[in-house]
């Protein structure tokens, strides 16, 4: 498993090098210097803070990298040990043109520098117009999760989802499946979404409908703006 993770990381590095070479031919030069910097401080709770610091690269793909920093304090002023956050992240997304039939491809890497855990994900999403009344979207992803210092095995998860939507009514039906490498665990879900009014939405979801005892929930959401 360690060898597989090593090969996956080498593949990411090779992709980064190829993207940098392609940038000279098709880089997005419309970004201003101010758009290249990522700075997003957030107050999560009364005594909890989180900051995202990073940068964007004007390349053929939308490439960004940075670090999430977080800290929380107790009432007496001490810093809880489990509240510290220092996570490095890297993301590359290939957005197709507005009228292009090409799929969207993305890669993401996250590494928790405090406990050594990390994740590597590859995704591919394809959207197209099936007919005048139906839009469709399919997505596939493969993720590798490494537990680091925790006594948990490395987890490989393969996911696939299909969504059928009626653009005129807003109705959509989605089906997804996940296969985990540890124990060959398979899970699936089916969901339904229907807007009733501009501020009222109805949704239903069912987990593992292939089992004898599936679970599900129904939701009615009303949104108010002021």
C-alpha atoms as a PDB file:
ATOM      1  CA  UNK A   1       0.000   0.000   0.000  1.00  0.00           C
ATOM      2  CA  UNK A   2       2.882   2.351   0.743  1.00  0.00           C
ATOM      3  CA  UNK A   3       4.223   1.643  -2.745  1.00  0.00           C
ATOM      4  CA  UNK A   4       0.829   2.505  -4.272  1.00  0.00           C
ATOM      5  CA  UNK A   5       0.696   5.786  -2.371  1.00  0.00           C
ATOM      6  CA  UNK A   6       4.232   6.605  -3.528  1.00  0.00           C
ATOM      7  CA  UNK A   7       3.330   5.958  -7.173  1.00  0.00           C
ATOM      8  CA  UNK A   8       0.194   8.113  -6.797  1.00  0.00           C
ATOM      9  CA  UNK A   9       2.192  11.044  -5.417  1.00  0.00           C
ATOM     10  CA  UNK A  10       4.767  10.681  -8.206  1.00  0.00           C
ATOM     11  CA  UNK A  11       1.924  10.806 -10.685  1.00  0.00           C
ATOM     12  CA  UNK A  12       0.673  14.077  -9.180  1.00  0.00           C
ATOM     13  CA  UNK A  13       4.148  15.612  -9.442  1.00  0.00           C
ATOM     14  CA  UNK A  14       4.408  14.535 -13.073  1.00  0.00           C
ATOM     15  CA  UNK A  15       1.020  16.116 -13.779  1.00  0.00           C
ATOM     16  CA  UNK A  16       2.125  19.382 -12.167  1.00  0.00           C
ATOM     17  CA  UNK A  17       5.196  19.459 -14.410  1.00  0.00           C
ATOM     18  CA  UNK A  18       3.091  18.828 -17.506  1.00  0.00           C
ATOM     19  CA  UNK A  19       0.682  21.587 -16.500  1.00  0.00           C
ATOM     20  CA  UNK A  20       3.509  24.061 -16.077  1.00  0.00           C
ATOM     21  CA  UNK A  21       4.739  23.222 -19.578  1.00  0.00           C
ATOM     22  CA  UNK A  22       1.255  23.677 -21.014  1.00  0.00           C
ATOM     23  CA  UNK A  23       0.881  27.037 -19.285  1.00  0.00           C
ATOM     24  CA  UNK A  24       3.179  28.729 -21.780  1.00  0.00           C
ATOM     25  CA  UNK A  25       0.813  27.755 -24.601  1.00  0.00           C
ATOM     26  CA  UNK A  26      -2.643  28.247 -23.031  1.00  0.00           C
ATOM     27  CA  UNK A  27      -2.294  30.115 -19.750  1.00  0.00           C
ATOM     28  CA  UNK A  28      -5.124  32.296 -18.469  1.00  0.00           C
ATOM     29  CA  UNK A  29      -3.541  35.743 -18.431  1.00  0.00           C
ATOM     30  CA  UNK A  30      -6.742  37.560 -17.432  1.00  0.00           C
ATOM     31  CA  UNK A  31      -5.994  37.175 -13.732  1.00  0.00           C
ATOM     32  CA  UNK A  32      -4.750  40.332 -12.066  1.00  0.00           C
ATOM     33  CA  UNK A  33      -1.999  40.199  -9.402  1.00  0.00           C
ATOM     34  CA  UNK A  34      -4.650  40.688  -6.723  1.00  0.00           C
ATOM     35  CA  UNK A  35      -6.544  37.579  -7.882  1.00  0.00           C
ATOM     36  CA  UNK A  36      -3.481  35.367  -7.470  1.00  0.00           C
ATOM     37  CA  UNK A  37      -3.421  35.691  -3.660  1.00  0.00           C
ATOM     38  CA  UNK A  38      -5.825  33.736  -1.434  1.00  0.00           C
ATOM     39  CA  UNK A  39      -6.483  35.227   2.004  1.00  0.00           C
ATOM     40  CA  UNK A  40      -9.631  34.206   3.879  1.00  0.00           C
ATOM     41  CA  UNK A  41      -9.698  34.676   7.680  1.00  0.00           C
ATOM     42  CA  UNK A  42     -12.872  33.394   9.343  1.00  0.00           C
ATOM     43  CA  UNK A  43     -14.150  33.482  12.918  1.00  0.00           C
ATOM     44  CA  UNK A  44     -15.709  30.029  13.244  1.00  0.00           C
ATOM     45  CA  UNK A  45     -16.902  30.394  16.862  1.00  0.00           C
ATOM     46  CA  UNK A  46     -16.537  32.990  19.665  1.00  0.00           C
ATOM     47  CA  UNK A  47     -13.010  31.749  20.453  1.00  0.00           C
ATOM     48  CA  UNK A  48     -12.170  29.745  17.315  1.00  0.00           C
ATOM     49  CA  UNK A  49     -10.435  31.178  14.256  1.00  0.00           C
ATOM     50  CA  UNK A  50      -9.472  29.764  10.864  1.00  0.00           C
ATOM     51  CA  UNK A  51      -7.419  31.300   8.063  1.00  0.00           C
ATOM     52  CA  UNK A  52      -6.832  30.069   4.525  1.00  0.00           C
ATOM     53  CA  UNK A  53      -3.657  31.370   2.905  1.00  0.00           C
ATOM     54  CA  UNK A  54      -2.638  30.410  -0.617  1.00  0.00           C
ATOM     55  CA  UNK A  55      -2.103  31.417  -4.204  1.00  0.00           C
ATOM     56  CA  UNK A  56      -3.426  30.732  -7.680  1.00  0.00           C
ATOM     57  CA  UNK A  57      -1.319  30.035 -10.746  1.00  0.00           C
ATOM     58  CA  UNK A  58      -2.316  31.367 -14.223  1.00  0.00           C
ATOM     59  CA  UNK A  59      -1.877  28.032 -15.986  1.00  0.00           C
ATOM     60  CA  UNK A  60      -3.734  25.933 -18.545  1.00  0.00           C
ATOM     61  CA  UNK A  61      -5.598  24.369 -15.606  1.00  0.00           C
ATOM     62  CA  UNK A  62      -6.933  26.321 -12.608  1.00  0.00           C
ATOM     63  CA  UNK A  63      -4.196  25.486 -10.096  1.00  0.00           C
ATOM     64  CA  UNK A  64      -4.183  26.696  -6.497  1.00  0.00           C
ATOM     65  CA  UNK A  65      -2.323  25.735  -3.346  1.00  0.00           C
ATOM     66  CA  UNK A  66      -2.162  26.914   0.219  1.00  0.00           C
ATOM     67  CA  UNK A  67      -2.583  26.053   3.867  1.00  0.00           C
ATOM     68  CA  UNK A  68      -5.474  26.132   6.343  1.00  0.00           C
ATOM     69  CA  UNK A  69      -4.479  27.401   9.792  1.00  0.00           C
ATOM     70  CA  UNK A  70      -6.781  27.221  12.792  1.00  0.00           C
ATOM     71  CA  UNK A  71      -6.671  27.791  16.535  1.00  0.00           C
ATOM     72  CA  UNK A  72      -9.151  27.813  19.399  1.00  0.00           C
ATOM     73  CA  UNK A  73      -8.906  29.061  22.951  1.00  0.00           C
ATOM     74  CA  UNK A  74     -10.686  28.059  26.134  1.00  0.00           C
ATOM     75  CA  UNK A  75     -12.445  30.466  28.493  1.00  0.00           C
ATOM     76  CA  UNK A  76      -9.365  30.671  30.722  1.00  0.00           C
ATOM     77  CA  UNK A  77      -7.171  31.577  27.733  1.00  0.00           C
ATOM     78  CA  UNK A  78      -5.439  28.226  27.248  1.00  0.00           C
ATOM     79  CA  UNK A  79      -5.191  26.649  23.781  1.00  0.00           C
ATOM     80  CA  UNK A  80      -6.697  23.140  23.555  1.00  0.00           C
ATOM     81  CA  UNK A  81      -4.246  20.766  21.971  1.00  0.00           C
ATOM     82  CA  UNK A  82      -6.810  19.151  19.671  1.00  0.00           C
ATOM     83  CA  UNK A  83      -7.951  22.537  18.322  1.00  0.00           C
ATOM     84  CA  UNK A  84      -4.850  23.256  16.268  1.00  0.00           C
ATOM     85  CA  UNK A  85      -5.179  23.069  12.486  1.00  0.00           C
ATOM     86  CA  UNK A  86      -2.393  23.153   9.908  1.00  0.00           C
ATOM     87  CA  UNK A  87      -3.425  21.488   6.661  1.00  0.00           C
ATOM     88  CA  UNK A  88      -1.649  21.870   3.331  1.00  0.00           C
ATOM     89  CA  UNK A  89      -3.862  21.636   0.244  1.00  0.00           C
ATOM     90  CA  UNK A  90      -3.351  21.631  -3.530  1.00  0.00           C
ATOM     91  CA  UNK A  91      -5.987  21.612  -6.251  1.00  0.00           C
ATOM     92  CA  UNK A  92      -5.983  21.537 -10.051  1.00  0.00           C
ATOM     93  CA  UNK A  93      -9.199  21.819 -12.086  1.00  0.00           C
ATOM     94  CA  UNK A  94      -9.593  21.628 -15.849  1.00  0.00           C
ATOM     95  CA  UNK A  95     -12.769  23.567 -16.659  1.00  0.00           C
ATOM     96  CA  UNK A  96     -14.158  22.893 -20.154  1.00  0.00           C
ATOM     97  CA  UNK A  97     -15.410  25.744 -22.282  1.00  0.00           C
ATOM     98  CA  UNK A  98     -18.973  26.942 -21.931  1.00  0.00           C
ATOM     99  CA  UNK A  99     -20.161  25.085 -25.035  1.00  0.00           C
ATOM    100  CA  UNK A 100     -17.581  22.324 -24.906  1.00  0.00           C
ATOM    101  CA  UNK A 101     -18.540  18.673 -24.647  1.00  0.00           C
ATOM    102  CA  UNK A 102     -15.343  17.847 -22.751  1.00  0.00           C
ATOM    103  CA  UNK A 103     -15.570  16.627 -19.136  1.00  0.00           C
ATOM    104  CA  UNK A 104     -14.294  18.583 -16.159  1.00  0.00           C
ATOM    105  CA  UNK A 105     -11.259  16.977 -14.524  1.00  0.00           C
ATOM    106  CA  UNK A 106      -9.890  17.770 -11.087  1.00  0.00           C
ATOM    107  CA  UNK A 107      -7.228  16.607  -8.672  1.00  0.00           C
ATOM    108  CA  UNK A 108      -6.929  17.501  -4.999  1.00  0.00           C
ATOM    109  CA  UNK A 109      -4.330  16.798  -2.337  1.00  0.00           C
ATOM    110  CA  UNK A 110      -4.657  17.502   1.399  1.00  0.00           C
ATOM    111  CA  UNK A 111      -2.040  16.779   4.060  1.00  0.00           C
ATOM    112  CA  UNK A 112      -2.574  17.312   7.779  1.00  0.00           C
ATOM    113  CA  UNK A 113       0.881  18.372   8.940  1.00  0.00           C
ATOM    114  CA  UNK A 114       0.065  17.779  12.615  1.00  0.00           C
ATOM    115  CA  UNK A 115      -0.767  14.059  12.493  1.00  0.00           C
ATOM    116  CA  UNK A 116       0.577  13.092   9.057  1.00  0.00           C
ATOM    117  CA  UNK A 117      -2.826  12.128   7.630  1.00  0.00           C
ATOM    118  CA  UNK A 118      -3.648  12.979   4.047  1.00  0.00           C
ATOM    119  CA  UNK A 119      -5.912  12.409   1.097  1.00  0.00           C
ATOM    120  CA  UNK A 120      -5.459  12.329  -2.668  1.00  0.00           C
ATOM    121  CA  UNK A 121      -8.481  12.522  -4.953  1.00  0.00           C
ATOM    122  CA  UNK A 122      -9.015  12.320  -8.717  1.00  0.00           C
ATOM    123  CA  UNK A 123     -12.380  13.299 -10.179  1.00  0.00           C
ATOM    124  CA  UNK A 124     -14.070  13.530 -13.571  1.00  0.00           C
ATOM    125  CA  UNK A 125     -17.478  15.105 -14.244  1.00  0.00           C
ATOM    126  CA  UNK A 126     -19.306  15.124 -17.567  1.00  0.00           C
ATOM    127  CA  UNK A 127     -22.483  17.148 -18.199  1.00  0.00           C
ATOM    128  CA  UNK A 128     -24.515  17.110 -21.383  1.00  0.00           C
ATOM    129  CA  UNK A 129     -27.971  17.810 -22.804  1.00  0.00           C
ATOM    130  CA  UNK A 130     -29.685  14.490 -23.468  1.00  0.00           C
ATOM    131  CA  UNK A 131     -32.783  16.068 -25.022  1.00  0.00           C
ATOM    132  CA  UNK A 132     -34.833  19.246 -24.898  1.00  0.00           C
ATOM    133  CA  UNK A 133     -36.338  18.125 -21.606  1.00  0.00           C
ATOM    134  CA  UNK A 134     -33.469  16.241 -19.954  1.00  0.00           C
ATOM    135  CA  UNK A 135     -30.025  17.249 -18.706  1.00  0.00           C
ATOM    136  CA  UNK A 136     -27.617  14.597 -17.481  1.00  0.00           C
ATOM    137  CA  UNK A 137     -24.446  14.577 -15.432  1.00  0.00           C
ATOM    138  CA  UNK A 138     -22.119  11.721 -14.560  1.00  0.00           C
ATOM    139  CA  UNK A 139     -19.179  11.847 -12.184  1.00  0.00           C
ATOM    140  CA  UNK A 140     -16.438   9.460 -11.154  1.00  0.00           C
ATOM    141  CA  UNK A 141     -13.844   9.826  -8.437  1.00  0.00           C
ATOM    142  CA  UNK A 142     -11.043   7.833  -6.869  1.00  0.00           C
ATOM    143  CA  UNK A 143      -9.682   8.836  -3.479  1.00  0.00           C
ATOM    144  CA  UNK A 144      -6.805   7.609  -1.353  1.00  0.00           C
ATOM    145  CA  UNK A 145      -6.966   8.401   2.380  1.00  0.00           C
ATOM    146  CA  UNK A 146      -3.920   7.841   4.583  1.00  0.00           C
ATOM    147  CA  UNK A 147      -4.495   7.825   8.346  1.00  0.00           C
ATOM    148  CA  UNK A 148      -0.938   8.798   9.281  1.00  0.00           C
ATOM    149  CA  UNK A 149      -0.219   8.402  12.979  1.00  0.00           C
ATOM    150  CA  UNK A 150      -3.644   6.908  13.665  1.00  0.00           C
ATOM    151  CA  UNK A 151      -3.934   3.123  13.810  1.00  0.00           C
ATOM    152  CA  UNK A 152      -6.215   2.880  10.783  1.00  0.00           C
ATOM    153  CA  UNK A 153      -5.559   1.294   7.381  1.00  0.00           C
ATOM    154  CA  UNK A 154      -5.115   3.290   4.201  1.00  0.00           C
ATOM    155  CA  UNK A 155      -8.516   3.579   2.557  1.00  0.00           C
ATOM    156  CA  UNK A 156      -9.181   3.609  -1.191  1.00  0.00           C
ATOM    157  CA  UNK A 157     -12.688   4.634  -2.260  1.00  0.00           C
ATOM    158  CA  UNK A 158     -14.159   4.592  -5.768  1.00  0.00           C
ATOM    159  CA  UNK A 159     -17.358   6.571  -6.365  1.00  0.00           C
ATOM    160  CA  UNK A 160     -19.712   7.021  -9.285  1.00  0.00           C
ATOM    161  CA  UNK A 161     -22.897   9.085  -9.573  1.00  0.00           C
ATOM    162  CA  UNK A 162     -25.476   9.828 -12.259  1.00  0.00           C
ATOM    163  CA  UNK A 163     -27.985  12.712 -12.181  1.00  0.00           C
ATOM    164  CA  UNK A 164     -30.977  13.262 -14.459  1.00  0.00           C
ATOM    165  CA  UNK A 165     -32.592  16.708 -14.335  1.00  0.00           C
ATOM    166  CA  UNK A 166     -35.559  18.398 -15.988  1.00  0.00           C
ATOM    167  CA  UNK A 167     -34.479  22.029 -16.439  1.00  0.00           C
ATOM    168  CA  UNK A 168     -37.995  23.433 -16.861  1.00  0.00           C
ATOM    169  CA  UNK A 169     -39.316  22.105 -13.550  1.00  0.00           C
ATOM    170  CA  UNK A 170     -36.082  21.830 -11.538  1.00  0.00           C
ATOM    171  CA  UNK A 171     -36.757  18.139 -10.852  1.00  0.00           C
ATOM    172  CA  UNK A 172     -33.652  15.990 -10.431  1.00  0.00           C
ATOM    173  CA  UNK A 173     -33.004  12.340  -9.564  1.00  0.00           C
ATOM    174  CA  UNK A 174     -29.540  11.146  -8.533  1.00  0.00           C
ATOM    175  CA  UNK A 175     -28.069   7.705  -7.945  1.00  0.00           C
ATOM    176  CA  UNK A 176     -24.610   7.145  -6.485  1.00  0.00           C
ATOM    177  CA  UNK A 177     -22.452   4.247  -5.382  1.00  0.00           C
ATOM    178  CA  UNK A 178     -19.272   3.950  -3.318  1.00  0.00           C
ATOM    179  CA  UNK A 179     -16.903   1.011  -3.100  1.00  0.00           C
ATOM    180  CA  UNK A 180     -14.327   0.975  -0.301  1.00  0.00           C
ATOM    181  CA  UNK A 181     -11.217  -1.172  -0.614  1.00  0.00           C
ATOM    182  CA  UNK A 182     -11.190  -2.146   3.082  1.00  0.00           C
ATOM    183  CA  UNK A 183     -13.554  -5.092   3.374  1.00  0.00           C
ATOM    184  CA  UNK A 184     -14.955  -4.437  -0.119  1.00  0.00           C
ATOM    185  CA  UNK A 185     -17.771  -2.388   1.422  1.00  0.00           C
ATOM    186  CA  UNK A 186     -20.345  -1.128  -1.103  1.00  0.00           C
ATOM    187  CA  UNK A 187     -22.891   1.580  -0.347  1.00  0.00           C
ATOM    188  CA  UNK A 188     -25.368   3.367  -2.549  1.00  0.00           C
ATOM    189  CA  UNK A 189     -27.893   6.173  -2.366  1.00  0.00           C
ATOM    190  CA  UNK A 190     -30.820   7.502  -4.394  1.00  0.00           C
ATOM    191  CA  UNK A 191     -32.089  11.063  -3.984  1.00  0.00           C
ATOM    192  CA  UNK A 192     -34.909  13.174  -5.390  1.00  0.00           C
ATOM    193  CA  UNK A 193     -35.176  16.960  -5.431  1.00  0.00           C
ATOM    194  CA  UNK A 194     -38.166  19.084  -6.424  1.00  0.00           C
ATOM    195  CA  UNK A 195     -38.587  22.868  -6.030  1.00  0.00           C
ATOM    196  CA  UNK A 196     -42.189  23.691  -5.117  1.00  0.00           C
ATOM    197  CA  UNK A 197     -41.973  27.467  -4.942  1.00  0.00           C
ATOM    198  CA  UNK A 198     -38.981  29.839  -5.308  1.00  0.00           C
ATOM    199  CA  UNK A 199     -38.397  29.499  -1.538  1.00  0.00           C
ATOM    200  CA  UNK A 200     -39.772  26.020  -0.821  1.00  0.00           C
ATOM    201  CA  UNK A 201     -37.933  22.806  -1.761  1.00  0.00           C
ATOM    202  CA  UNK A 202     -38.801  19.160  -1.242  1.00  0.00           C
ATOM    203  CA  UNK A 203     -36.146  16.434  -1.194  1.00  0.00           C
ATOM    204  CA  UNK A 204     -36.002  12.731  -0.395  1.00  0.00           C
ATOM    205  CA  UNK A 205     -33.056  10.377  -0.099  1.00  0.00           C
ATOM    206  CA  UNK A 206     -32.659   6.655   0.475  1.00  0.00           C
ATOM    207  CA  UNK A 207     -29.439   4.944   1.525  1.00  0.00           C
ATOM    208  CA  UNK A 208     -28.638   1.394   0.388  1.00  0.00           C
ATOM    209  CA  UNK A 209     -32.005   0.708  -1.299  1.00  0.00           C
ATOM    210  CA  UNK A 210     -30.712  -2.717  -2.397  1.00  0.00           C
ATOM    211  CA  UNK A 211     -30.737  -3.947   1.222  1.00  0.00           C
ATOM    212  CA  UNK A 212     -33.715  -5.427   3.031  1.00  0.00           C
ATOM    213  CA  UNK A 213     -33.744  -2.576   5.545  1.00  0.00           C
ATOM    214  CA  UNK A 214     -32.876   0.647   3.678  1.00  0.00           C
ATOM    215  CA  UNK A 215     -32.850   3.978   5.472  1.00  0.00           C
ATOM    216  CA  UNK A 216     -34.065   7.297   4.196  1.00  0.00           C
ATOM    217  CA  UNK A 217     -35.327  10.749   5.040  1.00  0.00           C
ATOM    218  CA  UNK A 218     -37.747  13.349   3.696  1.00  0.00           C
ATOM    219  CA  UNK A 219     -37.088  17.078   3.905  1.00  0.00           C
ATOM    220  CA  UNK A 220     -39.125  20.203   3.279  1.00  0.00           C
ATOM    221  CA  UNK A 221     -36.964  23.341   3.295  1.00  0.00           C
ATOM    222  CA  UNK A 222     -38.256  26.898   3.341  1.00  0.00           C
ATOM    223  CA  UNK A 223     -35.779  29.732   2.785  1.00  0.00           C
ATOM    224  CA  UNK A 224     -36.303  33.300   3.937  1.00  0.00           C
ATOM    225  CA  UNK A 225     -34.164  36.268   2.888  1.00  0.00           C
ATOM    226  CA  UNK A 226     -34.082  39.610   4.620  1.00  0.00           C
END
